[in-house]
Structures are given as structure tokens and as C-alpha cells.
Amino acid sequence: MPQLLLVGLVLLLGLAGVLVPGVPGTWLVWAGLMWWALHERSALAWSLLVAATALLLVVRAVKWQLPPRRPRGLPVTPRTAVFAGVGAVLGFVLVPVVGAVPGFVGGVYLCERLRLGGHGEAWASTRAVMRAVGTSVLVELFACLLVVGAWVGAVAAE
């Protein structure tokens, strides 16, 4: 049981790391899953590790095709990242899988609405943030949420 808690903490740290530039969040999620698979040594654990590895490699290839992150001059703050991350996680839990996308965008919008006050300015700022950094982060976060969600399901199934 303590092993599962530690793996869960590594996975959560990886999810948070996706939102922080320079932190290898995806690699932390993969490493946590590998740690669990090495400890479990079941067909389910190995299958999940193989599927997660394939998904995360595809995400790396997709991210190369996306425009690079350019947050200069935009209000991309740690607070924005927290709101977007919490929104994505809540969306993922409330509307399984597909809820992460509107939750992420909604989190950015809420942060900008609180910062700017009006709908028009907040929506324009949200669109600018999503064009600059949001799509890249959203793709990576969505993949990591899928992996962590699959891990939770696998742990519950065993």
C-alpha cells in the first residue's frame, strides 16, 4: 500500500510538472507508471505501460508539429497554470476523458476573467494564451491525464 501511495504521488507530481515549463512532467508520469509495473509484474501492468509508452511517444511527435511556446508579452502566470490544471482535472473527473479540454480552457478563462473583470477582454486573452501555449500544454496534459486515469482504473481493478 505505501508503494501505491508513492507511485500516486509521483504521478501527481508529473501532472503538475506538465504545467510548469522546464519540468519533465510527462517523463515523471511515465517513470511512475514504470515503477508501478516493475513492482506489480502483472499482465495488466505491463500492458498499461506499453500502451502509455506508445501514447506518450505519439504525443511527443504531435507536440513537434504544434507551434512553439511563446508566452512573451502574454499574461501566462503560475496562477493561470494552476487554474488551467485544476480545470482540466475537474473536467476530466466530472465528464470522463473529454471534460479535460473544456475544463482546461475554462480554467484559463476563469483566471483571466478574475484578472481583467470583463467577458470580452477575458475571452480575447484566453484565445491569445491558448494560441501561444495552451494547445501544446493541453495535448501533453490530456495524454498524462489519460495515463493516470488508466492507472487508477488498473489499481481499482486489481
C-alpha atoms as a PDB file:
ATOM      1  CA  MET A   1       0.000   0.000   0.000  1.00  0.00           C
ATOM      2  CA  PRO A   2       2.737   2.566   0.744  1.00  0.00           C
ATOM      3  CA  GLN A   3       4.184   1.693  -2.674  1.00  0.00           C
ATOM      4  CA  LEU A   4       0.907   2.688  -4.359  1.00  0.00           C
ATOM      5  CA  LEU A   5       0.827   5.980  -2.471  1.00  0.00           C
ATOM      6  CA  LEU A   6       4.368   6.805  -3.566  1.00  0.00           C
ATOM      7  CA  VAL A   7       3.592   5.931  -7.177  1.00  0.00           C
ATOM      8  CA  GLY A   8       0.451   8.068  -6.953  1.00  0.00           C
ATOM      9  CA  LEU A   9       2.489  10.987  -5.636  1.00  0.00           C
ATOM     10  CA  VAL A  10       4.970  10.660  -8.497  1.00  0.00           C
ATOM     11  CA  LEU A  11       2.092  10.615 -10.983  1.00  0.00           C
ATOM     12  CA  LEU A  12       0.537  13.709  -9.388  1.00  0.00           C
ATOM     13  CA  LEU A  13       3.905  15.436  -9.425  1.00  0.00           C
ATOM     14  CA  GLY A  14       4.160  14.575 -13.111  1.00  0.00           C
ATOM     15  CA  LEU A  15       0.728  16.055 -13.803  1.00  0.00           C
ATOM     16  CA  ALA A  16       1.727  19.246 -12.026  1.00  0.00           C
ATOM     17  CA  GLY A  17       5.051  19.204 -13.861  1.00  0.00           C
ATOM     18  CA  VAL A  18       3.280  19.330 -17.223  1.00  0.00           C
ATOM     19  CA  LEU A  19       2.023  22.781 -16.272  1.00  0.00           C
ATOM     20  CA  VAL A  20       5.429  24.108 -15.218  1.00  0.00           C
ATOM     21  CA  PRO A  21       7.871  24.960 -18.012  1.00  0.00           C
ATOM     22  CA  GLY A  22      11.161  23.115 -17.694  1.00  0.00           C
ATOM     23  CA  VAL A  23       9.803  20.294 -15.519  1.00  0.00           C
ATOM     24  CA  PRO A  24       9.645  16.909 -17.280  1.00  0.00           C
ATOM     25  CA  GLY A  25       6.068  16.135 -16.275  1.00  0.00           C
ATOM     26  CA  THR A  26       5.426  13.572 -18.992  1.00  0.00           C
ATOM     27  CA  TRP A  27       8.583  11.683 -18.103  1.00  0.00           C
ATOM     28  CA  LEU A  28       7.618  11.691 -14.415  1.00  0.00           C
ATOM     29  CA  VAL A  29       4.223  10.199 -15.269  1.00  0.00           C
ATOM     30  CA  TRP A  30       5.895   7.528 -17.405  1.00  0.00           C
ATOM     31  CA  ALA A  31       8.534   6.810 -14.741  1.00  0.00           C
ATOM     32  CA  GLY A  32       5.852   6.458 -12.055  1.00  0.00           C
ATOM     33  CA  LEU A  33       3.930   4.041 -14.234  1.00  0.00           C
ATOM     34  CA  MET A  34       7.087   2.048 -14.964  1.00  0.00           C
ATOM     35  CA  TRP A  35       7.885   1.903 -11.247  1.00  0.00           C
ATOM     36  CA  TRP A  36       4.402   0.515 -10.610  1.00  0.00           C
ATOM     37  CA  ALA A  37       4.663  -2.024 -13.470  1.00  0.00           C
ATOM     38  CA  LEU A  38       8.044  -3.247 -12.213  1.00  0.00           C
ATOM     39  CA  HIS A  39       6.572  -3.683  -8.749  1.00  0.00           C
ATOM     40  CA  GLU A  40       3.278  -5.308  -9.858  1.00  0.00           C
ATOM     41  CA  ARG A  41       4.621  -7.615 -12.570  1.00  0.00           C
ATOM     42  CA  SER A  42       1.178  -8.427 -13.915  1.00  0.00           C
ATOM     43  CA  ALA A  43      -0.074  -8.628 -17.477  1.00  0.00           C
ATOM     44  CA  LEU A  44      -2.333  -5.637 -16.834  1.00  0.00           C
ATOM     45  CA  ALA A  45       0.553  -3.536 -15.515  1.00  0.00           C
ATOM     46  CA  TRP A  46       2.806  -4.363 -18.462  1.00  0.00           C
ATOM     47  CA  SER A  47       0.008  -3.771 -20.974  1.00  0.00           C
ATOM     48  CA  LEU A  48      -0.718  -0.406 -19.438  1.00  0.00           C
ATOM     49  CA  LEU A  49       2.966   0.531 -19.514  1.00  0.00           C
ATOM     50  CA  VAL A  50       3.256  -0.414 -23.196  1.00  0.00           C
ATOM     51  CA  ALA A  51       0.076   1.497 -24.112  1.00  0.00           C
ATOM     52  CA  ALA A  52       1.151   4.545 -22.095  1.00  0.00           C
ATOM     53  CA  THR A  53       4.598   4.495 -23.691  1.00  0.00           C
ATOM     54  CA  ALA A  54       3.062   4.415 -27.165  1.00  0.00           C
ATOM     55  CA  LEU A  55       0.626   7.229 -26.310  1.00  0.00           C
ATOM     56  CA  LEU A  56       3.294   9.450 -24.786  1.00  0.00           C
ATOM     57  CA  LEU A  57       5.592   8.910 -27.774  1.00  0.00           C
ATOM     58  CA  VAL A  58       2.773   9.875 -30.143  1.00  0.00           C
ATOM     59  CA  VAL A  59       2.169  12.988 -28.043  1.00  0.00           C
ATOM     60  CA  ARG A  60       5.861  13.911 -28.346  1.00  0.00           C
ATOM     61  CA  ALA A  61       5.559  13.654 -32.141  1.00  0.00           C
ATOM     62  CA  VAL A  62       2.345  15.711 -32.165  1.00  0.00           C
ATOM     63  CA  LYS A  63       3.938  18.419 -29.999  1.00  0.00           C
ATOM     64  CA  TRP A  64       6.731  18.815 -32.562  1.00  0.00           C
ATOM     65  CA  GLN A  65       4.077  19.681 -35.137  1.00  0.00           C
ATOM     66  CA  LEU A  66       2.484  22.349 -32.941  1.00  0.00           C
ATOM     67  CA  PRO A  67       3.750  25.924 -32.892  1.00  0.00           C
ATOM     68  CA  PRO A  68       6.434  26.526 -30.255  1.00  0.00           C
ATOM     69  CA  ARG A  69       5.523  28.010 -26.895  1.00  0.00           C
ATOM     70  CA  ARG A  70       5.840  31.783 -26.991  1.00  0.00           C
ATOM     71  CA  PRO A  71       4.436  33.272 -23.771  1.00  0.00           C
ATOM     72  CA  ARG A  72       6.326  36.579 -24.110  1.00  0.00           C
ATOM     73  CA  GLY A  73       4.029  39.534 -23.619  1.00  0.00           C
ATOM     74  CA  LEU A  74       1.124  37.373 -22.517  1.00  0.00           C
ATOM     75  CA  PRO A  75      -0.370  37.068 -19.040  1.00  0.00           C
ATOM     76  CA  VAL A  76       0.770  33.450 -18.618  1.00  0.00           C
ATOM     77  CA  THR A  77       1.484  33.282 -14.907  1.00  0.00           C
ATOM     78  CA  PRO A  78       1.761  30.428 -12.452  1.00  0.00           C
ATOM     79  CA  ARG A  79      -1.749  31.343 -11.355  1.00  0.00           C
ATOM     80  CA  THR A  80      -3.007  30.792 -14.913  1.00  0.00           C
ATOM     81  CA  ALA A  81      -1.303  27.392 -14.993  1.00  0.00           C
ATOM     82  CA  VAL A  82      -2.909  26.405 -11.681  1.00  0.00           C
ATOM     83  CA  PHE A  83      -6.382  27.454 -12.822  1.00  0.00           C
ATOM     84  CA  ALA A  84      -5.945  25.632 -16.151  1.00  0.00           C
ATOM     85  CA  GLY A  85      -4.628  22.487 -14.467  1.00  0.00           C
ATOM     86  CA  VAL A  86      -7.344  22.369 -11.841  1.00  0.00           C
ATOM     87  CA  GLY A  87      -9.953  23.000 -14.534  1.00  0.00           C
ATOM     88  CA  ALA A  88      -8.587  20.156 -16.657  1.00  0.00           C
ATOM     89  CA  VAL A  89      -8.512  17.716 -13.746  1.00  0.00           C
ATOM     90  CA  LEU A  90     -12.033  18.672 -12.624  1.00  0.00           C
ATOM     91  CA  GLY A  91     -13.301  18.403 -16.181  1.00  0.00           C
ATOM     92  CA  PHE A  92     -11.611  15.021 -16.582  1.00  0.00           C
ATOM     93  CA  VAL A  93     -13.290  13.740 -13.414  1.00  0.00           C
ATOM     94  CA  LEU A  94     -16.726  15.298 -13.965  1.00  0.00           C
ATOM     95  CA  VAL A  95     -17.024  14.379 -17.647  1.00  0.00           C
ATOM     96  CA  PRO A  96     -14.631  11.454 -18.037  1.00  0.00           C
ATOM     97  CA  VAL A  97     -11.867  11.915 -20.601  1.00  0.00           C
ATOM     98  CA  VAL A  98     -13.412  14.602 -22.851  1.00  0.00           C
ATOM     99  CA  GLY A  99     -14.055  17.015 -19.979  1.00  0.00           C
ATOM    100  CA  ALA A 100     -10.339  17.809 -19.672  1.00  0.00           C
ATOM    101  CA  VAL A 101     -10.349  20.037 -22.751  1.00  0.00           C
ATOM    102  CA  PRO A 102     -13.228  22.371 -21.792  1.00  0.00           C
ATOM    103  CA  GLY A 103     -12.034  22.276 -18.185  1.00  0.00           C
ATOM    104  CA  PHE A 104      -8.568  23.476 -19.229  1.00  0.00           C
ATOM    105  CA  VAL A 105      -9.934  26.298 -21.390  1.00  0.00           C
ATOM    106  CA  GLY A 106     -12.476  27.174 -18.698  1.00  0.00           C
ATOM    107  CA  GLY A 107      -9.721  27.389 -16.098  1.00  0.00           C
ATOM    108  CA  VAL A 108      -7.725  29.806 -18.265  1.00  0.00           C
ATOM    109  CA  TYR A 109     -10.879  31.840 -18.913  1.00  0.00           C
ATOM    110  CA  LEU A 110     -11.791  31.986 -15.215  1.00  0.00           C
ATOM    111  CA  CYS A 111      -8.308  33.169 -14.304  1.00  0.00           C
ATOM    112  CA  GLU A 112      -8.423  35.858 -16.985  1.00  0.00           C
ATOM    113  CA  ARG A 113     -11.956  36.874 -16.017  1.00  0.00           C
ATOM    114  CA  LEU A 114     -10.872  37.357 -12.406  1.00  0.00           C
ATOM    115  CA  ARG A 115      -7.811  39.300 -13.530  1.00  0.00           C
ATOM    116  CA  LEU A 116      -9.467  41.514 -16.163  1.00  0.00           C
ATOM    117  CA  GLY A 117     -13.058  41.721 -14.933  1.00  0.00           C
ATOM    118  CA  GLY A 118     -14.958  41.679 -18.232  1.00  0.00           C
ATOM    119  CA  HIS A 119     -16.028  38.893 -20.559  1.00  0.00           C
ATOM    120  CA  GLY A 120     -14.717  40.406 -23.790  1.00  0.00           C
ATOM    121  CA  GLU A 121     -11.221  41.106 -22.508  1.00  0.00           C
ATOM    122  CA  ALA A 122     -11.038  37.762 -20.703  1.00  0.00           C
ATOM    123  CA  TRP A 123     -12.116  35.822 -23.805  1.00  0.00           C
ATOM    124  CA  ALA A 124      -9.632  37.656 -26.040  1.00  0.00           C
ATOM    125  CA  SER A 125      -6.854  36.983 -23.531  1.00  0.00           C
ATOM    126  CA  THR A 126      -7.888  33.318 -23.235  1.00  0.00           C
ATOM    127  CA  ARG A 127      -7.705  32.902 -27.017  1.00  0.00           C
ATOM    128  CA  ALA A 128      -4.258  34.528 -27.089  1.00  0.00           C
ATOM    129  CA  VAL A 129      -2.993  32.304 -24.265  1.00  0.00           C
ATOM    130  CA  MET A 130      -4.374  29.163 -25.925  1.00  0.00           C
ATOM    131  CA  ARG A 131      -2.725  30.073 -29.242  1.00  0.00           C
ATOM    132  CA  ALA A 132       0.612  30.794 -27.580  1.00  0.00           C
ATOM    133  CA  VAL A 133       0.999  27.978 -25.063  1.00  0.00           C
ATOM    134  CA  GLY A 134      -2.324  26.364 -24.341  1.00  0.00           C
ATOM    135  CA  THR A 135      -2.559  23.875 -27.180  1.00  0.00           C
ATOM    136  CA  SER A 136       0.854  22.374 -26.507  1.00  0.00           C
ATOM    137  CA  VAL A 137       0.273  22.127 -22.775  1.00  0.00           C
ATOM    138  CA  LEU A 138      -3.267  20.828 -23.275  1.00  0.00           C
ATOM    139  CA  VAL A 139      -2.137  17.988 -25.556  1.00  0.00           C
ATOM    140  CA  GLU A 140       0.524  16.903 -23.065  1.00  0.00           C
ATOM    141  CA  LEU A 141      -1.740  17.264 -20.028  1.00  0.00           C
ATOM    142  CA  PHE A 142      -4.579  15.371 -21.710  1.00  0.00           C
ATOM    143  CA  ALA A 143      -2.288  12.429 -22.509  1.00  0.00           C
ATOM    144  CA  CYS A 144      -0.915  12.370 -18.959  1.00  0.00           C
ATOM    145  CA  LEU A 145      -4.450  12.510 -17.536  1.00  0.00           C
ATOM    146  CA  LEU A 146      -5.385   9.526 -19.710  1.00  0.00           C
ATOM    147  CA  VAL A 147      -2.380   7.593 -18.410  1.00  0.00           C
ATOM    148  CA  VAL A 148      -3.078   8.460 -14.773  1.00  0.00           C
ATOM    149  CA  GLY A 149      -6.780   7.670 -15.214  1.00  0.00           C
ATOM    150  CA  ALA A 150      -5.910   4.292 -16.718  1.00  0.00           C
ATOM    151  CA  TRP A 151      -3.545   3.637 -13.796  1.00  0.00           C
ATOM    152  CA  VAL A 152      -6.279   4.463 -11.282  1.00  0.00           C
ATOM    153  CA  GLY A 153      -8.627   2.108 -13.121  1.00  0.00           C
ATOM    154  CA  ALA A 154      -5.995  -0.646 -13.180  1.00  0.00           C
ATOM    155  CA  VAL A 155      -5.286  -0.255  -9.474  1.00  0.00           C
ATOM    156  CA  ALA A 156      -9.001  -0.375  -8.707  1.00  0.00           C
ATOM    157  CA  ALA A 157      -9.418  -3.484 -10.885  1.00  0.00           C
ATOM    158  CA  GLU A 158      -6.682  -5.436  -9.072  1.00  0.00           C
END
